[in-house]
């Protein structure tokens, strides 16, 4: 699978964004880290049931696929 998909490794800037997300949005570390990847790499949406459906966190909108 490593040959089929690009692996995105954390870097200092991404960790800073995750720390900001955890503090600003009161996100658990795992969720803040997931959001930080989306924010850092310019993804417009996250599909997850762990965030508030339809809410924007920075430039990223969250969609709960189970609603």
N, C-alpha and C. Protein backbone atom coordinates (compact mmCIF):
# COMPACT_ATOMS: atom_id res chain seq x y z
N UNK A 1 0.82 -1.20 0.00
CA UNK A 1 0.00 0.00 0.00
C UNK A 1 0.86 1.26 0.00
N UNK A 2 2.03 1.16 0.57
CA UNK A 2 2.92 2.33 0.61
C UNK A 2 3.31 2.74 -0.81
N UNK A 3 3.39 1.78 -1.71
CA UNK A 3 3.72 2.10 -3.10
C UNK A 3 2.54 2.72 -3.85
N UNK A 4 1.32 2.50 -3.37
CA UNK A 4 0.14 2.98 -4.07
C UNK A 4 -0.33 4.36 -3.60
N UNK A 5 0.03 4.72 -2.37
CA UNK A 5 -0.47 5.96 -1.80
C UNK A 5 0.69 6.82 -1.29
N UNK A 6 0.55 8.11 -1.46
CA UNK A 6 1.56 9.02 -0.93
C UNK A 6 1.43 9.09 0.59
N UNK A 7 2.54 8.94 1.27
CA UNK A 7 2.56 9.02 2.73
C UNK A 7 2.86 10.45 3.12
N UNK A 8 2.00 11.03 3.94
CA UNK A 8 2.17 12.41 4.40
C UNK A 8 2.70 12.38 5.84
N UNK A 9 3.92 12.81 6.01
CA UNK A 9 4.54 12.79 7.32
C UNK A 9 4.34 14.13 8.02
N UNK A 10 4.26 14.10 9.34
CA UNK A 10 4.14 15.37 10.07
C UNK A 10 5.43 16.18 9.96
N UNK A 11 5.27 17.47 10.02
CA UNK A 11 6.41 18.37 10.04
C UNK A 11 6.12 19.43 11.11
N UNK A 12 7.08 20.25 11.46
CA UNK A 12 6.85 21.22 12.54
C UNK A 12 5.66 22.15 12.30
N UNK A 13 5.47 22.59 11.07
CA UNK A 13 4.35 23.48 10.77
C UNK A 13 3.00 22.79 10.97
N UNK A 14 2.93 21.55 10.56
CA UNK A 14 1.70 20.78 10.71
C UNK A 14 1.37 20.54 12.18
N UNK A 15 2.38 20.25 12.98
CA UNK A 15 2.17 20.04 14.41
C UNK A 15 1.70 21.34 15.07
N UNK A 16 2.24 22.47 14.64
CA UNK A 16 1.79 23.78 15.17
C UNK A 16 0.31 24.02 14.84
N UNK A 17 -0.09 23.68 13.62
CA UNK A 17 -1.49 23.84 13.24
C UNK A 17 -2.37 22.94 14.11
N UNK A 18 -1.93 21.71 14.35
CA UNK A 18 -2.70 20.79 15.20
C UNK A 18 -2.82 21.33 16.62
N UNK A 19 -1.75 21.87 17.16
CA UNK A 19 -1.80 22.46 18.51
C UNK A 19 -2.77 23.63 18.55
N UNK A 20 -2.75 24.45 17.50
CA UNK A 20 -3.69 25.58 17.42
C UNK A 20 -5.13 25.08 17.35
N UNK A 21 -5.37 24.04 16.55
CA UNK A 21 -6.72 23.47 16.44
C UNK A 21 -7.21 22.87 17.74
N UNK A 22 -6.31 22.21 18.46
CA UNK A 22 -6.69 21.62 19.75
C UNK A 22 -7.07 22.71 20.73
N UNK A 23 -6.33 23.80 20.74
CA UNK A 23 -6.61 24.90 21.67
C UNK A 23 -7.81 25.74 21.23
N UNK A 24 -7.85 26.11 19.97
CA UNK A 24 -8.89 27.01 19.47
C UNK A 24 -10.25 26.34 19.38
N UNK A 25 -10.29 25.13 18.88
CA UNK A 25 -11.56 24.44 18.67
C UNK A 25 -11.87 23.40 19.73
N UNK A 26 -11.00 23.28 20.73
CA UNK A 26 -11.17 22.29 21.81
C UNK A 26 -11.30 20.87 21.26
N UNK A 27 -10.47 20.55 20.27
CA UNK A 27 -10.49 19.23 19.66
C UNK A 27 -9.56 18.29 20.40
N UNK A 28 -9.93 17.01 20.52
CA UNK A 28 -8.98 16.03 21.03
C UNK A 28 -7.77 15.96 20.09
N UNK A 29 -6.62 15.52 20.62
CA UNK A 29 -5.39 15.55 19.83
C UNK A 29 -5.53 14.80 18.51
N UNK A 30 -6.12 13.63 18.50
CA UNK A 30 -6.24 12.86 17.27
C UNK A 30 -7.06 13.65 16.23
N UNK A 31 -8.17 14.22 16.64
CA UNK A 31 -9.00 14.99 15.71
C UNK A 31 -8.30 16.26 15.25
N UNK A 32 -7.59 16.92 16.16
CA UNK A 32 -6.85 18.12 15.80
C UNK A 32 -5.77 17.79 14.77
N UNK A 33 -5.14 16.65 14.94
CA UNK A 33 -4.09 16.24 14.01
C UNK A 33 -4.68 15.93 12.63
N UNK A 34 -5.81 15.25 12.61
CA UNK A 34 -6.50 14.95 11.35
C UNK A 34 -6.89 16.25 10.64
N UNK A 35 -7.47 17.17 11.40
CA UNK A 35 -7.86 18.47 10.84
C UNK A 35 -6.64 19.22 10.32
N UNK A 36 -5.53 19.17 11.06
CA UNK A 36 -4.32 19.89 10.66
C UNK A 36 -3.80 19.42 9.31
N UNK A 37 -3.87 18.12 9.06
CA UNK A 37 -3.45 17.62 7.75
C UNK A 37 -4.32 18.21 6.65
N UNK A 38 -5.63 18.22 6.87
CA UNK A 38 -6.54 18.79 5.86
C UNK A 38 -6.26 20.27 5.66
N UNK A 39 -6.08 20.99 6.74
CA UNK A 39 -5.80 22.44 6.66
C UNK A 39 -4.47 22.68 5.95
N UNK A 40 -3.46 21.97 6.34
CA UNK A 40 -2.11 22.16 5.79
C UNK A 40 -2.04 21.82 4.31
N UNK A 41 -2.67 20.74 3.90
CA UNK A 41 -2.58 20.29 2.51
C UNK A 41 -3.72 20.81 1.63
N UNK A 42 -4.54 21.72 2.16
CA UNK A 42 -5.55 22.40 1.35
C UNK A 42 -6.76 21.56 1.00
N UNK A 43 -7.10 20.58 1.82
CA UNK A 43 -8.31 19.80 1.57
C UNK A 43 -9.53 20.60 2.03
N UNK A 44 -10.60 20.54 1.28
CA UNK A 44 -11.76 21.36 1.61
C UNK A 44 -12.73 20.68 2.56
N UNK A 45 -12.69 19.34 2.65
CA UNK A 45 -13.64 18.61 3.50
C UNK A 45 -12.97 17.45 4.23
N UNK A 46 -13.53 17.16 5.40
CA UNK A 46 -13.20 15.95 6.14
C UNK A 46 -14.50 15.19 6.32
N UNK A 47 -14.47 13.90 6.06
CA UNK A 47 -15.62 13.04 6.33
C UNK A 47 -15.36 12.32 7.64
N UNK A 48 -16.12 12.68 8.67
CA UNK A 48 -15.91 12.11 10.00
C UNK A 48 -17.16 12.30 10.85
N UNK A 49 -17.39 11.37 11.74
CA UNK A 49 -18.50 11.51 12.68
C UNK A 49 -18.04 12.14 13.99
N UNK A 50 -16.74 12.42 14.12
CA UNK A 50 -16.20 12.95 15.37
C UNK A 50 -16.25 14.46 15.49
N UNK A 51 -16.59 15.15 14.42
CA UNK A 51 -16.67 16.61 14.43
C UNK A 51 -18.13 17.02 14.31
N UNK A 52 -18.40 18.30 14.50
CA UNK A 52 -19.76 18.82 14.32
C UNK A 52 -20.07 18.89 12.82
N UNK A 53 -21.14 18.22 12.40
CA UNK A 53 -21.52 18.16 10.99
C UNK A 53 -21.79 19.56 10.44
N UNK A 54 -21.19 19.84 9.29
CA UNK A 54 -21.41 21.12 8.61
C UNK A 54 -20.58 22.27 9.13
N UNK A 55 -19.88 22.08 10.23
CA UNK A 55 -19.08 23.17 10.80
C UNK A 55 -17.78 23.33 10.03
N UNK A 56 -17.34 24.57 9.98
CA UNK A 56 -16.04 24.88 9.38
C UNK A 56 -15.02 25.06 10.50
N UNK A 57 -13.91 24.39 10.34
CA UNK A 57 -12.76 24.55 11.21
C UNK A 57 -11.67 25.14 10.32
N UNK A 58 -11.42 26.41 10.46
CA UNK A 58 -10.51 27.08 9.53
C UNK A 58 -11.12 27.06 8.15
N UNK A 59 -10.40 26.51 7.20
CA UNK A 59 -10.91 26.45 5.81
C UNK A 59 -11.53 25.09 5.49
N UNK A 60 -11.60 24.20 6.48
CA UNK A 60 -12.05 22.83 6.25
C UNK A 60 -13.48 22.66 6.78
N UNK A 61 -14.35 22.13 5.93
CA UNK A 61 -15.73 21.84 6.32
C UNK A 61 -15.84 20.36 6.66
N UNK A 62 -16.61 20.06 7.69
CA UNK A 62 -16.77 18.67 8.13
C UNK A 62 -18.13 18.12 7.70
N UNK A 63 -18.10 16.90 7.17
CA UNK A 63 -19.31 16.21 6.76
C UNK A 63 -19.38 14.89 7.52
N UNK A 64 -20.51 14.67 8.20
CA UNK A 64 -20.73 13.39 8.85
C UNK A 64 -21.42 12.47 7.83
N UNK A 65 -20.73 11.43 7.36
CA UNK A 65 -21.31 10.59 6.31
C UNK A 65 -22.46 9.71 6.79
N UNK A 66 -22.69 9.65 8.11
CA UNK A 66 -23.74 8.79 8.64
C UNK A 66 -25.05 9.52 8.88
N UNK A 67 -25.09 10.81 8.63
CA UNK A 67 -26.36 11.55 8.81
C UNK A 67 -27.22 11.44 7.58
